Amino acid sequence: MKKVKTVIFVFVCVILCFVLQSTILSRLSFGGVQANLMIIETAAFAFCLGDVGGLFVGFFSGLLCDIFFGPLIGFYALVYAFIGFMAGKFKRLLYAESLTFPLALVGGCDVVYTFLSFVFLFMMRNRMILPDFFISCMLPELLYTLVLSVFVYPAIVKLYELVTRPPRKSQSKRRPGQGFTTIR
């Protein structure tokens, strides 16, 4: 039952993040750059679920992006799956109580995402040079994503912990002398 509840929760979060990214965050873009909410949720769930869980969350997040916005089907699915798998490797290494490591993880995931997008979507077609892309797209998106992840990442992790927390057993009230054996 716990697995089913977790899968449903992750599915709802992926859909919700995709809808928020494609509607509200597209309206809040600065200079044509918007925060990447899908990277934040992929990194958050990868850190919570591990490498295989991160792979699946990343794949389905990328597949949604491919279907609706991608130039070809499968590119973003592959990139997000790779990012989810690599971010999930950190679950085994450490558990971060503070927000510093998760922010670094989200920042690293965003840099990998934008770099792979640059290499395979722009550089292969000889459309841009890396310093221009870094200044105009990569750095602003990284900063915007990090600012948003300060609020979104802890919310996703707290909700995940609430959903996956085992139910507490209710303690029934005992009457005096009941439930204990007394030796006379």
N, C-alpha and C. Protein backbone atom coordinates (compact mmCIF):
# COMPACT_ATOMS: atom_id res chain seq x y z
N MET A 1 0.82 -1.19 0.00
CA MET A 1 0.00 0.00 0.00
C MET A 1 0.86 1.25 0.00
N LYS A 2 1.98 1.17 0.72
CA LYS A 2 2.88 2.32 0.80
C LYS A 2 3.46 2.65 -0.58
N LYS A 3 3.81 1.62 -1.35
CA LYS A 3 4.37 1.83 -2.68
C LYS A 3 3.36 2.49 -3.61
N VAL A 4 2.12 2.04 -3.55
CA VAL A 4 1.07 2.60 -4.40
C VAL A 4 0.83 4.06 -4.05
N LYS A 5 0.79 4.35 -2.75
CA LYS A 5 0.61 5.72 -2.31
C LYS A 5 1.76 6.61 -2.76
N THR A 6 2.98 6.09 -2.70
CA THR A 6 4.15 6.86 -3.14
C THR A 6 4.10 7.11 -4.64
N VAL A 7 3.76 6.09 -5.42
CA VAL A 7 3.70 6.25 -6.88
C VAL A 7 2.63 7.26 -7.26
N ILE A 8 1.48 7.19 -6.63
CA ILE A 8 0.41 8.15 -6.93
C ILE A 8 0.84 9.56 -6.55
N PHE A 9 1.47 9.70 -5.40
CA PHE A 9 1.95 11.02 -4.97
C PHE A 9 2.97 11.58 -5.94
N VAL A 10 3.94 10.77 -6.36
CA VAL A 10 4.97 11.23 -7.30
C VAL A 10 4.33 11.60 -8.64
N PHE A 11 3.40 10.79 -9.11
CA PHE A 11 2.72 11.07 -10.37
C PHE A 11 1.97 12.41 -10.31
N VAL A 12 1.25 12.63 -9.22
CA VAL A 12 0.51 13.89 -9.07
C VAL A 12 1.47 15.07 -9.00
N CYS A 13 2.58 14.91 -8.30
CA CYS A 13 3.56 16.00 -8.20
C CYS A 13 4.20 16.31 -9.55
N VAL A 14 4.51 15.28 -10.32
CA VAL A 14 5.11 15.50 -11.65
C VAL A 14 4.13 16.25 -12.54
N ILE A 15 2.88 15.84 -12.55
CA ILE A 15 1.86 16.52 -13.35
C ILE A 15 1.67 17.95 -12.87
N LEU A 16 1.59 18.14 -11.56
CA LEU A 16 1.40 19.48 -11.01
C LEU A 16 2.59 20.39 -11.33
N CYS A 17 3.80 19.89 -11.19
CA CYS A 17 4.98 20.70 -11.53
C CYS A 17 5.02 21.03 -13.01
N PHE A 18 4.62 20.08 -13.85
CA PHE A 18 4.60 20.34 -15.29
C PHE A 18 3.58 21.42 -15.62
N VAL A 19 2.41 21.33 -15.03
CA VAL A 19 1.37 22.33 -15.29
C VAL A 19 1.81 23.71 -14.79
N LEU A 20 2.41 23.75 -13.60
CA LEU A 20 2.91 25.03 -13.08
C LEU A 20 4.02 25.60 -13.95
N GLN A 21 4.91 24.73 -14.43
CA GLN A 21 6.01 25.20 -15.28
C GLN A 21 5.48 25.75 -16.61
N SER A 22 4.51 25.08 -17.18
CA SER A 22 4.05 25.48 -18.50
C SER A 22 3.02 26.61 -18.45
N THR A 23 2.47 26.92 -17.29
CA THR A 23 1.48 28.00 -17.22
C THR A 23 2.01 29.20 -16.45
N ILE A 24 2.16 29.06 -15.14
CA ILE A 24 2.52 30.20 -14.31
C ILE A 24 3.97 30.63 -14.52
N LEU A 25 4.90 29.68 -14.52
CA LEU A 25 6.30 30.05 -14.65
C LEU A 25 6.65 30.58 -16.04
N SER A 26 5.90 30.18 -17.05
CA SER A 26 6.15 30.75 -18.38
C SER A 26 5.75 32.22 -18.43
N ARG A 27 4.81 32.61 -17.59
CA ARG A 27 4.41 34.02 -17.49
C ARG A 27 5.38 34.83 -16.65
N LEU A 28 6.12 34.17 -15.78
CA LEU A 28 7.06 34.85 -14.89
C LEU A 28 8.50 34.79 -15.40
N SER A 29 8.68 34.70 -16.70
CA SER A 29 10.03 34.63 -17.23
C SER A 29 10.64 36.03 -17.29
N PHE A 30 11.94 36.07 -17.03
CA PHE A 30 12.69 37.31 -17.08
C PHE A 30 13.67 37.24 -18.24
N GLY A 31 13.48 38.08 -19.23
CA GLY A 31 14.38 38.09 -20.38
C GLY A 31 14.33 36.80 -21.18
N GLY A 32 13.20 36.17 -21.21
CA GLY A 32 13.06 34.92 -21.96
C GLY A 32 13.57 33.70 -21.22
N VAL A 33 13.99 33.86 -19.97
CA VAL A 33 14.51 32.75 -19.18
C VAL A 33 13.53 32.47 -18.04
N GLN A 34 13.21 31.22 -17.85
CA GLN A 34 12.31 30.84 -16.76
C GLN A 34 12.97 29.77 -15.90
N ALA A 35 12.50 29.67 -14.67
CA ALA A 35 13.00 28.64 -13.76
C ALA A 35 12.56 27.27 -14.24
N ASN A 36 13.37 26.28 -13.97
CA ASN A 36 13.07 24.92 -14.42
C ASN A 36 12.54 24.11 -13.24
N LEU A 37 11.25 24.12 -13.07
CA LEU A 37 10.60 23.41 -11.97
C LEU A 37 10.73 21.90 -12.12
N MET A 38 10.81 21.43 -13.35
CA MET A 38 10.93 20.00 -13.59
C MET A 38 12.28 19.47 -13.09
N ILE A 39 13.32 20.28 -13.20
CA ILE A 39 14.63 19.88 -12.67
C ILE A 39 14.58 19.82 -11.15
N ILE A 40 13.89 20.77 -10.54
CA ILE A 40 13.79 20.79 -9.07
C ILE A 40 13.08 19.55 -8.57
N GLU A 41 11.93 19.22 -9.19
CA GLU A 41 11.21 18.05 -8.71
C GLU A 41 11.93 16.75 -9.06
N THR A 42 12.64 16.69 -10.16
CA THR A 42 13.40 15.49 -10.49
C THR A 42 14.52 15.29 -9.48
N ALA A 43 15.24 16.36 -9.15
CA ALA A 43 16.33 16.25 -8.17
C ALA A 43 15.78 15.92 -6.78
N ALA A 44 14.65 16.51 -6.41
CA ALA A 44 14.07 16.25 -5.09
C ALA A 44 13.63 14.80 -4.96
N PHE A 45 12.93 14.29 -5.95
CA PHE A 45 12.47 12.90 -5.87
C PHE A 45 13.63 11.92 -6.05
N ALA A 46 14.63 12.28 -6.83
CA ALA A 46 15.79 11.41 -6.96
C ALA A 46 16.52 11.30 -5.64
N PHE A 47 16.62 12.39 -4.92
CA PHE A 47 17.29 12.38 -3.63
C PHE A 47 16.46 11.60 -2.60
N CYS A 48 15.15 11.62 -2.73
CA CYS A 48 14.28 10.88 -1.80
C CYS A 48 14.16 9.40 -2.17
N LEU A 49 14.06 9.09 -3.45
CA LEU A 49 13.77 7.72 -3.89
C LEU A 49 15.01 6.92 -4.27
N GLY A 50 16.12 7.58 -4.53
CA GLY A 50 17.32 6.87 -4.95
C GLY A 50 17.49 6.92 -6.46
N ASP A 51 18.48 6.19 -6.96
CA ASP A 51 18.84 6.29 -8.37
C ASP A 51 17.79 5.71 -9.32
N VAL A 52 17.23 4.57 -9.00
CA VAL A 52 16.23 3.97 -9.89
C VAL A 52 14.93 4.79 -9.88
N GLY A 53 14.51 5.21 -8.70
CA GLY A 53 13.33 6.08 -8.61
C GLY A 53 13.55 7.40 -9.32
N GLY A 54 14.74 7.97 -9.17
CA GLY A 54 15.08 9.21 -9.87
C GLY A 54 15.10 9.04 -11.38
N LEU A 55 15.55 7.86 -11.82
CA LEU A 55 15.55 7.56 -13.25
C LEU A 55 14.14 7.57 -13.81
N PHE A 56 13.21 6.91 -13.12
CA PHE A 56 11.83 6.86 -13.60
C PHE A 56 11.14 8.22 -13.52
N VAL A 57 11.34 8.94 -12.42
CA VAL A 57 10.74 10.27 -12.30
C VAL A 57 11.30 11.20 -13.39
N GLY A 58 12.60 11.14 -13.59
CA GLY A 58 13.22 11.96 -14.63
C GLY A 58 12.74 11.59 -16.02
N PHE A 59 12.60 10.29 -16.28
CA PHE A 59 12.13 9.87 -17.59
C PHE A 59 10.74 10.39 -17.88
N PHE A 60 9.82 10.24 -16.94
CA PHE A 60 8.45 10.69 -17.18
C PHE A 60 8.34 12.21 -17.19
N SER A 61 9.16 12.89 -16.40
CA SER A 61 9.18 14.36 -16.46
C SER A 61 9.67 14.82 -17.83
N GLY A 62 10.74 14.20 -18.30
CA GLY A 62 11.28 14.55 -19.61
C GLY A 62 10.34 14.17 -20.74
N LEU A 63 9.64 13.07 -20.58
CA LEU A 63 8.69 12.66 -21.61
C LEU A 63 7.55 13.66 -21.74
N LEU A 64 7.08 14.17 -20.62
CA LEU A 64 6.07 15.24 -20.67
C LEU A 64 6.59 16.46 -21.41
N CYS A 65 7.82 16.85 -21.10
CA CYS A 65 8.43 18.00 -21.79
C CYS A 65 8.60 17.72 -23.27
N ASP A 66 8.99 16.49 -23.62
CA ASP A 66 9.15 16.12 -25.03
C ASP A 66 7.82 16.19 -25.77
N ILE A 67 6.79 15.65 -25.18
CA ILE A 67 5.50 15.58 -25.86
C ILE A 67 4.94 16.97 -26.13
N PHE A 68 5.08 17.86 -25.17
CA PHE A 68 4.47 19.17 -25.32
C PHE A 68 5.39 20.24 -25.89
N PHE A 69 6.69 20.18 -25.62
CA PHE A 69 7.56 21.29 -26.02
C PHE A 69 8.81 20.87 -26.77
N GLY A 70 9.16 19.62 -26.78
CA GLY A 70 10.44 19.18 -27.32
C GLY A 70 10.51 19.19 -28.83
N PRO A 71 11.71 19.39 -29.35
CA PRO A 71 11.90 19.35 -30.81
C PRO A 71 11.80 17.93 -31.36
N LEU A 72 12.09 16.94 -30.52
CA LEU A 72 11.95 15.55 -30.92
C LEU A 72 11.62 14.73 -29.69
N ILE A 73 10.94 13.63 -29.88
CA ILE A 73 10.50 12.80 -28.75
C ILE A 73 11.68 11.97 -28.25
N GLY A 74 11.95 12.06 -26.97
CA GLY A 74 12.97 11.23 -26.35
C GLY A 74 14.19 11.98 -25.86
N PHE A 75 14.46 13.17 -26.39
CA PHE A 75 15.66 13.89 -25.99
C PHE A 75 15.59 14.31 -24.52
N TYR A 76 14.55 15.03 -24.16
CA TYR A 76 14.42 15.48 -22.77
C TYR A 76 14.19 14.31 -21.83
N ALA A 77 13.51 13.27 -22.29
CA ALA A 77 13.31 12.09 -21.47
C ALA A 77 14.66 11.47 -21.11
N LEU A 78 15.55 11.40 -22.07
CA LEU A 78 16.88 10.85 -21.83
C LEU A 78 17.69 11.74 -20.90
N VAL A 79 17.63 13.05 -21.12
CA VAL A 79 18.40 13.99 -20.29
C VAL A 79 17.88 13.99 -18.86
N TYR A 80 16.58 14.07 -18.67
CA TYR A 80 16.02 14.07 -17.33
C TYR A 80 16.24 12.73 -16.63
N ALA A 81 16.16 11.62 -17.36
CA ALA A 81 16.43 10.31 -16.77
C ALA A 81 17.87 10.22 -16.29
N PHE A 82 18.80 10.72 -17.10
CA PHE A 82 20.21 10.74 -16.71
C PHE A 82 20.41 11.59 -15.45
N ILE A 83 19.77 12.76 -15.43
CA ILE A 83 19.90 13.66 -14.28
C ILE A 83 19.29 13.01 -13.03
N GLY A 84 18.11 12.40 -13.17
CA GLY A 84 17.48 11.75 -12.04
C GLY A 84 18.30 10.59 -11.51
N PHE A 85 18.90 9.82 -12.41
CA PHE A 85 19.72 8.69 -11.99
C PHE A 85 20.96 9.17 -11.24
N MET A 86 21.64 10.17 -11.80
CA MET A 86 22.86 10.67 -11.16
C MET A 86 22.56 11.37 -9.83
N ALA A 87 21.46 12.13 -9.76
CA ALA A 87 21.10 12.79 -8.51
C ALA A 87 20.69 11.77 -7.46
N GLY A 88 20.09 10.68 -7.88
CA GLY A 88 19.69 9.63 -6.96
C GLY A 88 20.86 8.90 -6.33
N LYS A 89 22.01 8.94 -6.95
CA LYS A 89 23.21 8.31 -6.37
C LYS A 89 23.60 8.96 -5.06
N PHE A 90 23.22 10.23 -4.86
CA PHE A 90 23.59 10.93 -3.64
C PHE A 90 22.77 10.49 -2.44
N LYS A 91 21.68 9.77 -2.66
CA LYS A 91 20.89 9.27 -1.53
C LYS A 91 21.70 8.30 -0.71
N ARG A 92 22.49 7.48 -1.36
CA ARG A 92 23.30 6.50 -0.65
C ARG A 92 24.48 7.14 0.07
N LEU A 93 24.96 8.25 -0.46
CA LEU A 93 26.15 8.87 0.11
C LEU A 93 25.87 9.68 1.36
N LEU A 94 24.81 10.45 1.35
CA LEU A 94 24.53 11.30 2.50
C LEU A 94 23.08 11.73 2.51
N TYR A 95 22.68 12.18 3.68
CA TYR A 95 21.35 12.74 3.85
C TYR A 95 21.53 14.14 4.40
N ALA A 96 21.11 15.12 3.65
CA ALA A 96 21.36 16.51 4.02
C ALA A 96 20.20 17.06 4.83
N GLU A 97 20.49 17.49 6.03
CA GLU A 97 19.48 18.14 6.87
C GLU A 97 19.33 19.60 6.47
N SER A 98 20.42 20.23 6.10
CA SER A 98 20.36 21.64 5.72
C SER A 98 19.96 21.75 4.25
N LEU A 99 19.81 22.95 3.82
CA LEU A 99 19.39 23.20 2.43
C LEU A 99 20.57 23.40 1.50
N THR A 100 21.78 23.45 2.03
CA THR A 100 22.96 23.75 1.21
C THR A 100 23.22 22.67 0.17
N PHE A 101 23.30 21.42 0.60
CA PHE A 101 23.58 20.36 -0.36
C PHE A 101 22.47 20.17 -1.39
N PRO A 102 21.20 20.15 -0.98
CA PRO A 102 20.15 20.04 -2.01
C PRO A 102 20.18 21.19 -3.02
N LEU A 103 20.49 22.39 -2.58
CA LEU A 103 20.60 23.50 -3.54
C LEU A 103 21.76 23.28 -4.50
N ALA A 104 22.88 22.79 -3.98
CA ALA A 104 24.01 22.47 -4.86
C ALA A 104 23.64 21.36 -5.83
N LEU A 105 22.86 20.38 -5.35
CA LEU A 105 22.41 19.29 -6.21
C LEU A 105 21.50 19.80 -7.33
N VAL A 106 20.55 20.65 -6.98
CA VAL A 106 19.65 21.23 -7.98
C VAL A 106 20.45 22.09 -8.97
N GLY A 107 21.39 22.87 -8.46
CA GLY A 107 22.23 23.70 -9.33
C GLY A 107 23.05 22.86 -10.29
N GLY A 108 23.63 21.77 -9.78
CA GLY A 108 24.40 20.88 -10.65
C GLY A 108 23.52 20.22 -11.70
N CYS A 109 22.33 19.80 -11.29
CA CYS A 109 21.40 19.20 -12.25
C CYS A 109 21.00 20.19 -13.34
N ASP A 110 20.78 21.45 -12.95
CA ASP A 110 20.40 22.46 -13.93
C ASP A 110 21.55 22.76 -14.88
N VAL A 111 22.77 22.79 -14.38
CA VAL A 111 23.93 23.02 -15.26
C VAL A 111 24.08 21.88 -16.25
N VAL A 112 23.93 20.64 -15.78
CA VAL A 112 24.01 19.48 -16.68
C VAL A 112 22.91 19.55 -17.73
N TYR A 113 21.70 19.89 -17.31
CA TYR A 113 20.57 19.98 -18.23
C TYR A 113 20.82 21.04 -19.31
N THR A 114 21.21 22.24 -18.90
CA THR A 114 21.41 23.30 -19.89
C THR A 114 22.62 23.02 -20.77
N PHE A 115 23.66 22.40 -20.22
CA PHE A 115 24.83 22.09 -21.03
C PHE A 115 24.50 21.03 -22.08
N LEU A 116 23.79 19.98 -21.66
CA LEU A 116 23.41 18.94 -22.63
C LEU A 116 22.45 19.50 -23.68
N SER A 117 21.55 20.37 -23.27
CA SER A 117 20.66 21.01 -24.24
C SER A 117 21.46 21.86 -25.22
N PHE A 118 22.45 22.58 -24.72
CA PHE A 118 23.29 23.39 -25.59
C PHE A 118 24.05 22.53 -26.59
N VAL A 119 24.68 21.47 -26.10
CA VAL A 119 25.50 20.63 -26.97
C VAL A 119 24.66 19.98 -28.06
N PHE A 120 23.52 19.39 -27.68
CA PHE A 120 22.77 18.61 -28.66
C PHE A 120 21.73 19.40 -29.44
N LEU A 121 21.30 20.54 -28.94
CA LEU A 121 20.29 21.30 -29.67
C LEU A 121 20.85 22.53 -30.39
N PHE A 122 21.95 23.09 -29.89
CA PHE A 122 22.47 24.30 -30.51
C PHE A 122 23.84 24.10 -31.14
N MET A 123 24.80 23.57 -30.40
CA MET A 123 26.16 23.47 -30.89
C MET A 123 26.28 22.53 -32.09
N MET A 124 25.52 21.45 -32.08
CA MET A 124 25.59 20.50 -33.20
C MET A 124 25.11 21.14 -34.51
N ARG A 125 24.30 22.17 -34.39
CA ARG A 125 23.82 22.86 -35.58
C ARG A 125 24.58 24.17 -35.81
N ASN A 126 25.66 24.36 -35.02
CA ASN A 126 26.53 25.52 -35.16
C ASN A 126 25.76 26.82 -35.01
N ARG A 127 24.93 26.89 -33.98
CA ARG A 127 24.08 28.06 -33.80
C ARG A 127 24.59 29.04 -32.76
N MET A 128 25.38 28.59 -31.79
CA MET A 128 25.84 29.47 -30.72
C MET A 128 27.21 29.04 -30.23
N ILE A 129 27.88 29.97 -29.61
CA ILE A 129 29.12 29.61 -28.94
C ILE A 129 28.88 29.57 -27.44
N LEU A 130 29.64 28.75 -26.74
CA LEU A 130 29.40 28.48 -25.34
C LEU A 130 29.43 29.72 -24.45
N PRO A 131 30.40 30.63 -24.56
CA PRO A 131 30.37 31.79 -23.66
C PRO A 131 29.10 32.64 -23.80
N ASP A 132 28.63 32.81 -25.01
CA ASP A 132 27.39 33.57 -25.21
C ASP A 132 26.20 32.85 -24.60
N PHE A 133 26.14 31.55 -24.80
CA PHE A 133 25.06 30.75 -24.23
C PHE A 133 25.12 30.76 -22.71
N PHE A 134 26.33 30.69 -22.16
CA PHE A 134 26.48 30.70 -20.71
C PHE A 134 25.98 32.00 -20.11
N ILE A 135 26.33 33.12 -20.71
CA ILE A 135 25.93 34.43 -20.18
C ILE A 135 24.45 34.69 -20.40
N SER A 136 23.94 34.36 -21.57
CA SER A 136 22.57 34.74 -21.91
C SER A 136 21.52 33.75 -21.40
N CYS A 137 21.84 32.46 -21.31
CA CYS A 137 20.82 31.46 -20.93
C CYS A 137 21.17 30.67 -19.68
N MET A 138 22.36 30.10 -19.64
CA MET A 138 22.70 29.15 -18.59
C MET A 138 22.74 29.80 -17.21
N LEU A 139 23.43 30.90 -17.07
CA LEU A 139 23.57 31.55 -15.77
C LEU A 139 22.26 32.14 -15.25
N PRO A 140 21.48 32.86 -16.07
CA PRO A 140 20.20 33.35 -15.55
C PRO A 140 19.23 32.23 -15.16
N GLU A 141 19.17 31.17 -15.96
CA GLU A 141 18.28 30.05 -15.61
C GLU A 141 18.75 29.37 -14.33
N LEU A 142 20.04 29.22 -14.16
CA LEU A 142 20.57 28.62 -12.95
C LEU A 142 20.20 29.44 -11.72
N LEU A 143 20.37 30.73 -11.78
CA LEU A 143 20.05 31.59 -10.64
C LEU A 143 18.55 31.58 -10.34
N TYR A 144 17.74 31.66 -11.37
CA TYR A 144 16.29 31.67 -11.20
C TYR A 144 15.80 30.33 -10.64
N THR A 145 16.37 29.23 -11.10
CA THR A 145 16.00 27.91 -10.61
C THR A 145 16.43 27.74 -9.15
N LEU A 146 17.61 28.24 -8.81
CA LEU A 146 18.06 28.13 -7.42
C LEU A 146 17.19 28.94 -6.47
N VAL A 147 16.77 30.12 -6.90
CA VAL A 147 15.89 30.93 -6.05
C VAL A 147 14.56 30.22 -5.84
N LEU A 148 14.00 29.65 -6.89
CA LEU A 148 12.74 28.93 -6.77
C LEU A 148 12.90 27.64 -5.95
N SER A 149 14.04 26.99 -6.07
CA SER A 149 14.23 25.73 -5.35
C SER A 149 14.36 25.93 -3.85
N VAL A 150 14.69 27.13 -3.40
CA VAL A 150 14.71 27.40 -1.96
C VAL A 150 13.33 27.17 -1.35
N PHE A 151 12.29 27.44 -2.12
CA PHE A 151 10.93 27.27 -1.62
C PHE A 151 10.32 25.93 -2.02
N VAL A 152 10.58 25.47 -3.22
CA VAL A 152 9.92 24.28 -3.75
C VAL A 152 10.53 22.99 -3.21
N TYR A 153 11.85 22.91 -3.16
CA TYR A 153 12.52 21.68 -2.73
C TYR A 153 12.09 21.25 -1.32
N PRO A 154 12.13 22.14 -0.30
CA PRO A 154 11.69 21.69 1.03
C PRO A 154 10.22 21.28 1.06
N ALA A 155 9.39 21.95 0.27
CA ALA A 155 7.97 21.59 0.23
C ALA A 155 7.78 20.19 -0.33
N ILE A 156 8.49 19.86 -1.40
CA ILE A 156 8.37 18.52 -1.99
C ILE A 156 8.86 17.46 -1.02
N VAL A 157 9.99 17.71 -0.37
CA VAL A 157 10.55 16.72 0.56
C VAL A 157 9.64 16.53 1.78
N LYS A 158 9.10 17.62 2.31
CA LYS A 158 8.19 17.50 3.47
C LYS A 158 6.92 16.73 3.09
N LEU A 159 6.35 17.05 1.92
CA LEU A 159 5.16 16.32 1.48
C LEU A 159 5.46 14.85 1.26
N TYR A 160 6.62 14.56 0.69
CA TYR A 160 7.03 13.16 0.49
C TYR A 160 7.15 12.44 1.83
N GLU A 161 7.75 13.09 2.81
CA GLU A 161 7.88 12.47 4.12
C GLU A 161 6.52 12.25 4.78
N LEU A 162 5.59 13.18 4.57
CA LEU A 162 4.25 13.00 5.13
C LEU A 162 3.53 11.82 4.49
N VAL A 163 3.69 11.68 3.19
CA VAL A 163 3.00 10.61 2.47
C VAL A 163 3.61 9.25 2.80
N THR A 164 4.92 9.17 2.93
CA THR A 164 5.56 7.88 3.14
C THR A 164 5.76 7.52 4.61
N ARG A 165 5.41 8.41 5.51
CA ARG A 165 5.54 8.12 6.93
C ARG A 165 4.59 6.98 7.29
N PRO A 166 5.10 6.01 8.04
CA PRO A 166 4.19 4.91 8.43
C PRO A 166 3.13 5.44 9.39
N PRO A 167 1.93 4.89 9.30
CA PRO A 167 0.86 5.37 10.19
C PRO A 167 1.18 5.05 11.63
N ARG A 168 0.83 5.98 12.48
CA ARG A 168 1.07 5.77 13.90
C ARG A 168 0.01 4.83 14.45
N LYS A 169 0.43 3.95 15.31
CA LYS A 169 -0.52 3.04 15.94
C LYS A 169 -1.16 3.76 17.10
N SER A 170 -2.44 3.68 17.14
CA SER A 170 -3.14 4.35 18.23
C SER A 170 -2.95 3.54 19.51
N GLN A 171 -2.74 4.25 20.56
CA GLN A 171 -2.57 3.58 21.84
C GLN A 171 -3.90 3.63 22.57
N SER A 172 -4.41 2.48 22.83
CA SER A 172 -5.69 2.44 23.54
C SER A 172 -5.45 2.70 25.02
N LYS A 173 -6.44 3.29 25.63
CA LYS A 173 -6.32 3.58 27.06
C LYS A 173 -6.53 2.28 27.83
N ARG A 174 -5.66 2.07 28.76
CA ARG A 174 -5.77 0.88 29.59
C ARG A 174 -6.40 1.24 30.92
N ARG A 175 -7.22 0.34 31.37
CA ARG A 175 -7.79 0.51 32.71
C ARG A 175 -6.76 0.04 33.73
N PRO A 176 -6.82 0.56 34.89
CA PRO A 176 -5.84 0.14 35.91
C PRO A 176 -5.89 -1.37 36.13
N GLY A 177 -4.72 -1.97 36.13
CA GLY A 177 -4.61 -3.40 36.36
C GLY A 177 -4.81 -4.23 35.12
N GLN A 178 -5.14 -3.60 33.99
CA GLN A 178 -5.38 -4.36 32.76
C GLN A 178 -4.14 -4.27 31.88
N GLY A 179 -3.73 -5.38 31.35
CA GLY A 179 -2.61 -5.40 30.44
C GLY A 179 -1.28 -5.67 31.11
N PHE A 180 -1.23 -5.60 32.38
CA PHE A 180 0.01 -5.89 33.10
C PHE A 180 -0.22 -7.13 33.95
N THR A 181 0.79 -7.92 34.04
CA THR A 181 0.67 -9.08 34.92
C THR A 181 1.33 -8.73 36.24
N THR A 182 0.67 -9.06 37.26
CA THR A 182 1.22 -8.77 38.57
C THR A 182 1.59 -10.08 39.25
N ILE A 183 2.66 -10.06 39.92
CA ILE A 183 3.13 -11.25 40.63
C ILE A 183 2.79 -11.07 42.10
N ARG A 184 2.07 -12.04 42.64
CA ARG A 184 1.70 -11.95 44.06
C ARG A 184 2.43 -12.95 44.87
